[in-house]
Amino acid sequence: MPEPWLSADDIAVHLGVTKDTVYAWIAQRGMPAHRIGRLWKFQTGEVDEWVRCGGATSSEEDEEA
C-alpha cells in the first residue's frame, strides 16, 4: 500500500517541530517536499531519510537566529 501524503501540520507533528520550522527547512535545507497547488505535501519515508542523513541537524547559524 502506498504511503499517504502528509500536510505541513502533520509532518511537523511527526517530527516534533513547528510548522514554521518545516517551512524554513524546505527553503534553507532542502527538506523533501512536493508543492501541489498552494499546498506542500510530504512523504514520511522521504522526510525520515532526510533527517537520518543529517538534513535537520542544527548549525551555529540557526542557533544565532
PDB file of N, CA and C in Angstrom:
ATOM      1  N   MET A   1       0.842  -1.187   0.000  1.00  0.00           N
ATOM      2  CA  MET A   1       0.000   0.000   0.000  1.00  0.00           C
ATOM      3  C   MET A   1       0.888   1.252   0.000  1.00  0.00           C
ATOM      4  N   PRO A   2       0.594   2.218  -0.868  1.00  0.00           N
ATOM      5  CA  PRO A   2       1.432   3.430  -0.925  1.00  0.00           C
ATOM      6  C   PRO A   2       1.294   4.285   0.332  1.00  0.00           C
ATOM      7  N   GLU A   3       2.371   5.013   0.605  1.00  0.00           N
ATOM      8  CA  GLU A   3       2.374   5.933   1.743  1.00  0.00           C
ATOM      9  C   GLU A   3       1.391   7.070   1.504  1.00  0.00           C
ATOM     10  N   PRO A   4       0.673   7.488   2.533  1.00  0.00           N
ATOM     11  CA  PRO A   4      -0.209   8.658   2.353  1.00  0.00           C
ATOM     12  C   PRO A   4       0.617   9.944   2.309  1.00  0.00           C
ATOM     13  N   TRP A   5       0.097  10.935   1.625  1.00  0.00           N
ATOM     14  CA  TRP A   5       0.725  12.252   1.604  1.00  0.00           C
ATOM     15  C   TRP A   5       0.327  12.994   2.864  1.00  0.00           C
ATOM     16  N   LEU A   6       1.299  13.633   3.523  1.00  0.00           N
ATOM     17  CA  LEU A   6       1.032  14.370   4.753  1.00  0.00           C
ATOM     18  C   LEU A   6       1.099  15.870   4.496  1.00  0.00           C
ATOM     19  N   SER A   7       0.346  16.614   5.286  1.00  0.00           N
ATOM     20  CA  SER A   7       0.368  18.075   5.220  1.00  0.00           C
ATOM     21  C   SER A   7       1.540  18.605   6.046  1.00  0.00           C
ATOM     22  N   ALA A   8       1.783  19.906   5.943  1.00  0.00           N
ATOM     23  CA  ALA A   8       2.837  20.532   6.748  1.00  0.00           C
ATOM     24  C   ALA A   8       2.540  20.372   8.240  1.00  0.00           C
ATOM     25  N   ASP A   9       1.275  20.498   8.616  1.00  0.00           N
ATOM     26  CA  ASP A   9       0.903  20.306  10.027  1.00  0.00           C
ATOM     27  C   ASP A   9       1.228  18.885  10.478  1.00  0.00           C
ATOM     28  N   ASP A  10       0.872  17.905   9.645  1.00  0.00           N
ATOM     29  CA  ASP A  10       1.098  16.503  10.000  1.00  0.00           C
ATOM     30  C   ASP A  10       2.582  16.174  10.124  1.00  0.00           C
ATOM     31  N   ILE A  11       3.385  16.664   9.175  1.00  0.00           N
ATOM     32  CA  ILE A  11       4.817  16.346   9.220  1.00  0.00           C
ATOM     33  C   ILE A  11       5.488  17.071  10.389  1.00  0.00           C
ATOM     34  N   ALA A  12       4.992  18.254  10.736  1.00  0.00           N
ATOM     35  CA  ALA A  12       5.522  18.970  11.907  1.00  0.00           C
ATOM     36  C   ALA A  12       5.272  18.159  13.176  1.00  0.00           C
ATOM     37  N   VAL A  13       4.074  17.612  13.311  1.00  0.00           N
ATOM     38  CA  VAL A  13       3.760  16.775  14.477  1.00  0.00           C
ATOM     39  C   VAL A  13       4.636  15.527  14.469  1.00  0.00           C
ATOM     40  N   HIS A  14       4.788  14.916  13.304  1.00  0.00           N
ATOM     41  CA  HIS A  14       5.611  13.706  13.172  1.00  0.00           C
ATOM     42  C   HIS A  14       7.046  13.965  13.639  1.00  0.00           C
ATOM     43  N   LEU A  15       7.583  15.144  13.291  1.00  0.00           N
ATOM     44  CA  LEU A  15       8.964  15.477  13.644  1.00  0.00           C
ATOM     45  C   LEU A  15       9.095  16.167  15.000  1.00  0.00           C
ATOM     46  N   GLY A  16       7.995  16.619  15.569  1.00  0.00           N
ATOM     47  CA  GLY A  16       8.045  17.302  16.863  1.00  0.00           C
ATOM     48  C   GLY A  16       8.580  18.718  16.770  1.00  0.00           C
ATOM     49  N   VAL A  17       8.287  19.392  15.646  1.00  0.00           N
ATOM     50  CA  VAL A  17       8.718  20.776  15.450  1.00  0.00           C
ATOM     51  C   VAL A  17       7.505  21.609  15.051  1.00  0.00           C
ATOM     52  N   THR A  18       7.700  22.920  14.904  1.00  0.00           N
ATOM     53  CA  THR A  18       6.587  23.775  14.492  1.00  0.00           C
ATOM     54  C   THR A  18       6.469  23.774  12.967  1.00  0.00           C
ATOM     55  N   LYS A  19       5.317  24.194  12.497  1.00  0.00           N
ATOM     56  CA  LYS A  19       5.098  24.302  11.057  1.00  0.00           C
ATOM     57  C   LYS A  19       6.033  25.345  10.455  1.00  0.00           C
ATOM     58  N   ASP A  20       6.338  26.405  11.186  1.00  0.00           N
ATOM     59  CA  ASP A  20       7.292  27.415  10.709  1.00  0.00           C
ATOM     60  C   ASP A  20       8.677  26.798  10.481  1.00  0.00           C
ATOM     61  N   THR A  21       9.081  25.897  11.351  1.00  0.00           N
ATOM     62  CA  THR A  21      10.359  25.206  11.186  1.00  0.00           C
ATOM     63  C   THR A  21      10.346  24.360   9.922  1.00  0.00           C
ATOM     64  N   VAL A  22       9.245  23.683   9.663  1.00  0.00           N
ATOM     65  CA  VAL A  22       9.117  22.874   8.445  1.00  0.00           C
ATOM     66  C   VAL A  22       9.317  23.754   7.218  1.00  0.00           C
ATOM     67  N   TYR A  23       8.646  24.892   7.154  1.00  0.00           N
ATOM     68  CA  TYR A  23       8.778  25.793   6.004  1.00  0.00           C
ATOM     69  C   TYR A  23      10.201  26.333   5.880  1.00  0.00           C
ATOM     70  N   ALA A  24      10.840  26.625   7.000  1.00  0.00           N
ATOM     71  CA  ALA A  24      12.223  27.105   6.972  1.00  0.00           C
ATOM     72  C   ALA A  24      13.150  26.015   6.433  1.00  0.00           C
ATOM     73  N   TRP A  25      12.938  24.771   6.851  1.00  0.00           N
ATOM     74  CA  TRP A  25      13.760  23.664   6.376  1.00  0.00           C
ATOM     75  C   TRP A  25      13.578  23.429   4.880  1.00  0.00           C
ATOM     76  N   ILE A  26      12.369  23.614   4.377  1.00  0.00           N
ATOM     77  CA  ILE A  26      12.145  23.479   2.933  1.00  0.00           C
ATOM     78  C   ILE A  26      12.991  24.518   2.196  1.00  0.00           C
ATOM     79  N   ALA A  27      12.928  25.764   2.656  1.00  0.00           N
ATOM     80  CA  ALA A  27      13.606  26.868   1.979  1.00  0.00           C
ATOM     81  C   ALA A  27      15.123  26.840   2.159  1.00  0.00           C
ATOM     82  N   GLN A  28      15.590  26.492   3.347  1.00  0.00           N
ATOM     83  CA  GLN A  28      17.010  26.654   3.668  1.00  0.00           C
ATOM     84  C   GLN A  28      17.825  25.375   3.641  1.00  0.00           C
ATOM     85  N   ARG A  29      17.178  24.236   3.805  1.00  0.00           N
ATOM     86  CA  ARG A  29      17.943  22.987   3.938  1.00  0.00           C
ATOM     87  C   ARG A  29      17.537  21.907   2.950  1.00  0.00           C
ATOM     88  N   GLY A  30      16.630  22.222   2.048  1.00  0.00           N
ATOM     89  CA  GLY A  30      16.256  21.247   1.032  1.00  0.00           C
ATOM     90  C   GLY A  30      15.444  20.081   1.546  1.00  0.00           C
ATOM     91  N   MET A  31      14.635  20.309   2.551  1.00  0.00           N
ATOM     92  CA  MET A  31      13.761  19.250   3.061  1.00  0.00           C
ATOM     93  C   MET A  31      12.884  18.745   1.912  1.00  0.00           C
ATOM     94  N   PRO A  32      12.773  17.426   1.749  1.00  0.00           N
ATOM     95  CA  PRO A  32      11.979  16.897   0.638  1.00  0.00           C
ATOM     96  C   PRO A  32      10.491  17.209   0.808  1.00  0.00           C
ATOM     97  N   ALA A  33       9.964  17.962  -0.125  1.00  0.00           N
ATOM     98  CA  ALA A  33       8.557  18.374  -0.097  1.00  0.00           C
ATOM     99  C   ALA A  33       8.088  18.528  -1.534  1.00  0.00           C
ATOM    100  N   HIS A  34       6.820  18.360  -1.737  1.00  0.00           N
ATOM    101  CA  HIS A  34       6.230  18.454  -3.062  1.00  0.00           C
ATOM    102  C   HIS A  34       5.117  19.483  -3.024  1.00  0.00           C
ATOM    103  N   ARG A  35       5.194  20.452  -3.919  1.00  0.00           N
ATOM    104  CA  ARG A  35       4.180  21.501  -3.969  1.00  0.00           C
ATOM    105  C   ARG A  35       3.045  21.028  -4.871  1.00  0.00           C
ATOM    106  N   ILE A  36       1.852  21.008  -4.327  1.00  0.00           N
ATOM    107  CA  ILE A  36       0.651  20.626  -5.067  1.00  0.00           C
ATOM    108  C   ILE A  36      -0.295  21.815  -4.963  1.00  0.00           C
ATOM    109  N   GLY A  37      -0.355  22.596  -6.043  1.00  0.00           N
ATOM    110  CA  GLY A  37      -1.109  23.845  -5.987  1.00  0.00           C
ATOM    111  C   GLY A  37      -0.441  24.782  -5.012  1.00  0.00           C
ATOM    112  N   ARG A  38      -1.198  25.237  -4.032  1.00  0.00           N
ATOM    113  CA  ARG A  38      -0.646  26.132  -2.999  1.00  0.00           C
ATOM    114  C   ARG A  38      -0.144  25.381  -1.778  1.00  0.00           C
ATOM    115  N   LEU A  39      -0.329  24.077  -1.746  1.00  0.00           N
ATOM    116  CA  LEU A  39      -0.015  23.287  -0.556  1.00  0.00           C
ATOM    117  C   LEU A  39       1.292  22.531  -0.695  1.00  0.00           C
ATOM    118  N   TRP A  40       1.984  22.346   0.412  1.00  0.00           N
ATOM    119  CA  TRP A  40       3.150  21.479   0.476  1.00  0.00           C
ATOM    120  C   TRP A  40       2.694  20.128   1.005  1.00  0.00           C
ATOM    121  N   LYS A  41       3.156  19.058   0.369  1.00  0.00           N
ATOM    122  CA  LYS A  41       2.842  17.698   0.803  1.00  0.00           C
ATOM    123  C   LYS A  41       4.136  16.927   1.000  1.00  0.00           C
ATOM    124  N   PHE A  42       4.100  15.948   1.875  1.00  0.00           N
ATOM    125  CA  PHE A  42       5.299  15.224   2.293  1.00  0.00           C
ATOM    126  C   PHE A  42       5.041  13.731   2.332  1.00  0.00           C
ATOM    127  N   GLN A  43       6.086  12.952   2.037  1.00  0.00           N
ATOM    128  CA  GLN A  43       6.079  11.510   2.224  1.00  0.00           C
ATOM    129  C   GLN A  43       6.945  11.228   3.448  1.00  0.00           C
ATOM    130  N   THR A  44       6.409  10.538   4.406  1.00  0.00           N
ATOM    131  CA  THR A  44       7.116  10.277   5.655  1.00  0.00           C
ATOM    132  C   THR A  44       8.472   9.617   5.414  1.00  0.00           C
ATOM    133  N   GLY A  45       8.513   8.643   4.522  1.00  0.00           N
ATOM    134  CA  GLY A  45       9.759   7.936   4.251  1.00  0.00           C
ATOM    135  C   GLY A  45      10.852   8.859   3.731  1.00  0.00           C
ATOM    136  N   GLU A  46      10.507   9.777   2.821  1.00  0.00           N
ATOM    137  CA  GLU A  46      11.479  10.729   2.281  1.00  0.00           C
ATOM    138  C   GLU A  46      12.008  11.653   3.378  1.00  0.00           C
ATOM    139  N   VAL A  47      11.093  12.146   4.201  1.00  0.00           N
ATOM    140  CA  VAL A  47      11.487  13.075   5.266  1.00  0.00           C
ATOM    141  C   VAL A  47      12.334  12.356   6.319  1.00  0.00           C
ATOM    142  N   ASP A  48      11.941  11.143   6.688  1.00  0.00           N
ATOM    143  CA  ASP A  48      12.722  10.390   7.675  1.00  0.00           C
ATOM    144  C   ASP A  48      14.141  10.117   7.170  1.00  0.00           C
ATOM    145  N   GLU A  49      14.284   9.784   5.896  1.00  0.00           N
ATOM    146  CA  GLU A  49      15.607   9.541   5.318  1.00  0.00           C
ATOM    147  C   GLU A  49      16.437  10.832   5.312  1.00  0.00           C
ATOM    148  N   TRP A  50      15.794  11.956   4.995  1.00  0.00           N
ATOM    149  CA  TRP A  50      16.469  13.254   5.006  1.00  0.00           C
ATOM    150  C   TRP A  50      16.989  13.577   6.411  1.00  0.00           C
ATOM    151  N   VAL A  51      16.176  13.284   7.425  1.00  0.00           N
ATOM    152  CA  VAL A  51      16.600  13.515   8.814  1.00  0.00           C
ATOM    153  C   VAL A  51      17.778  12.604   9.149  1.00  0.00           C
ATOM    154  N   ARG A  52      17.685  11.322   8.785  1.00  0.00           N
ATOM    155  CA  ARG A  52      18.767  10.369   9.085  1.00  0.00           C
ATOM    156  C   ARG A  52      20.085  10.779   8.429  1.00  0.00           C
ATOM    157  N   CYS A  53      20.008  11.405   7.278  1.00  0.00           N
ATOM    158  CA  CYS A  53      21.215  11.833   6.554  1.00  0.00           C
ATOM    159  C   CYS A  53      21.745  13.178   7.047  1.00  0.00           C
ATOM    160  N   GLY A  54      21.135  13.729   8.074  1.00  0.00           N
ATOM    161  CA  GLY A  54      21.646  14.953   8.681  1.00  0.00           C
ATOM    162  C   GLY A  54      21.005  16.232   8.179  1.00  0.00           C
ATOM    163  N   GLY A  55      19.931  16.142   7.427  1.00  0.00           N
ATOM    164  CA  GLY A  55      19.288  17.336   6.890  1.00  0.00           C
ATOM    165  C   GLY A  55      18.728  18.276   7.939  1.00  0.00           C
ATOM    166  N   ALA A  56      18.374  17.753   9.086  1.00  0.00           N
ATOM    167  CA  ALA A  56      17.759  18.577  10.126  1.00  0.00           C
ATOM    168  C   ALA A  56      18.734  18.940  11.240  1.00  0.00           C
ATOM    169  N   THR A  57      20.007  18.612  11.067  1.00  0.00           N
ATOM    170  CA  THR A  57      20.962  18.932  12.127  1.00  0.00           C
ATOM    171  C   THR A  57      21.125  20.433  12.272  1.00  0.00           C
ATOM    172  N   SER A  58      21.274  20.855  13.490  1.00  0.00           N
ATOM    173  CA  SER A  58      21.398  22.280  13.819  1.00  0.00           C
ATOM    174  C   SER A  58      22.796  22.757  13.475  1.00  0.00           C
ATOM    175  N   SER A  59      22.866  24.008  13.018  1.00  0.00           N
ATOM    176  CA  SER A  59      24.168  24.625  12.769  1.00  0.00           C
ATOM    177  C   SER A  59      24.278  25.871  13.648  1.00  0.00           C
ATOM    178  N   GLU A  60      25.464  26.422  13.754  1.00  0.00           N
ATOM    179  CA  GLU A  60      25.673  27.619  14.567  1.00  0.00           C
ATOM    180  C   GLU A  60      24.843  28.794  14.051  1.00  0.00           C
ATOM    181  N   GLU A  61      24.689  28.907  12.723  1.00  0.00           N
ATOM    182  CA  GLU A  61      23.899  29.990  12.150  1.00  0.00           C
ATOM    183  C   GLU A  61      22.469  29.947  12.658  1.00  0.00           C
ATOM    184  N   ASP A  62      21.874  28.756  12.702  1.00  0.00           N
ATOM    185  CA  ASP A  62      20.494  28.622  13.156  1.00  0.00           C
ATOM    186  C   ASP A  62      20.350  29.011  14.617  1.00  0.00           C
ATOM    187  N   GLU A  63      21.350  28.674  15.428  1.00  0.00           N
ATOM    188  CA  GLU A  63      21.268  28.974  16.852  1.00  0.00           C
ATOM    189  C   GLU A  63      21.361  30.465  17.116  1.00  0.00           C
ATOM    190  N   GLU A  64      22.058  31.200  16.253  1.00  0.00           N
ATOM    191  CA  GLU A  64      22.192  32.653  16.424  1.00  0.00           C
ATOM    192  C   GLU A  64      20.941  33.393  15.999  1.00  0.00           C
ATOM    193  N   ALA A  65      20.167  32.815  15.097  1.00  0.00           N
ATOM    194  CA  ALA A  65      18.967  33.494  14.565  1.00  0.00           C
ATOM    195  C   ALA A  65      17.858  33.565  15.572  1.00  0.00           C
TER     196      ALA A  65
END
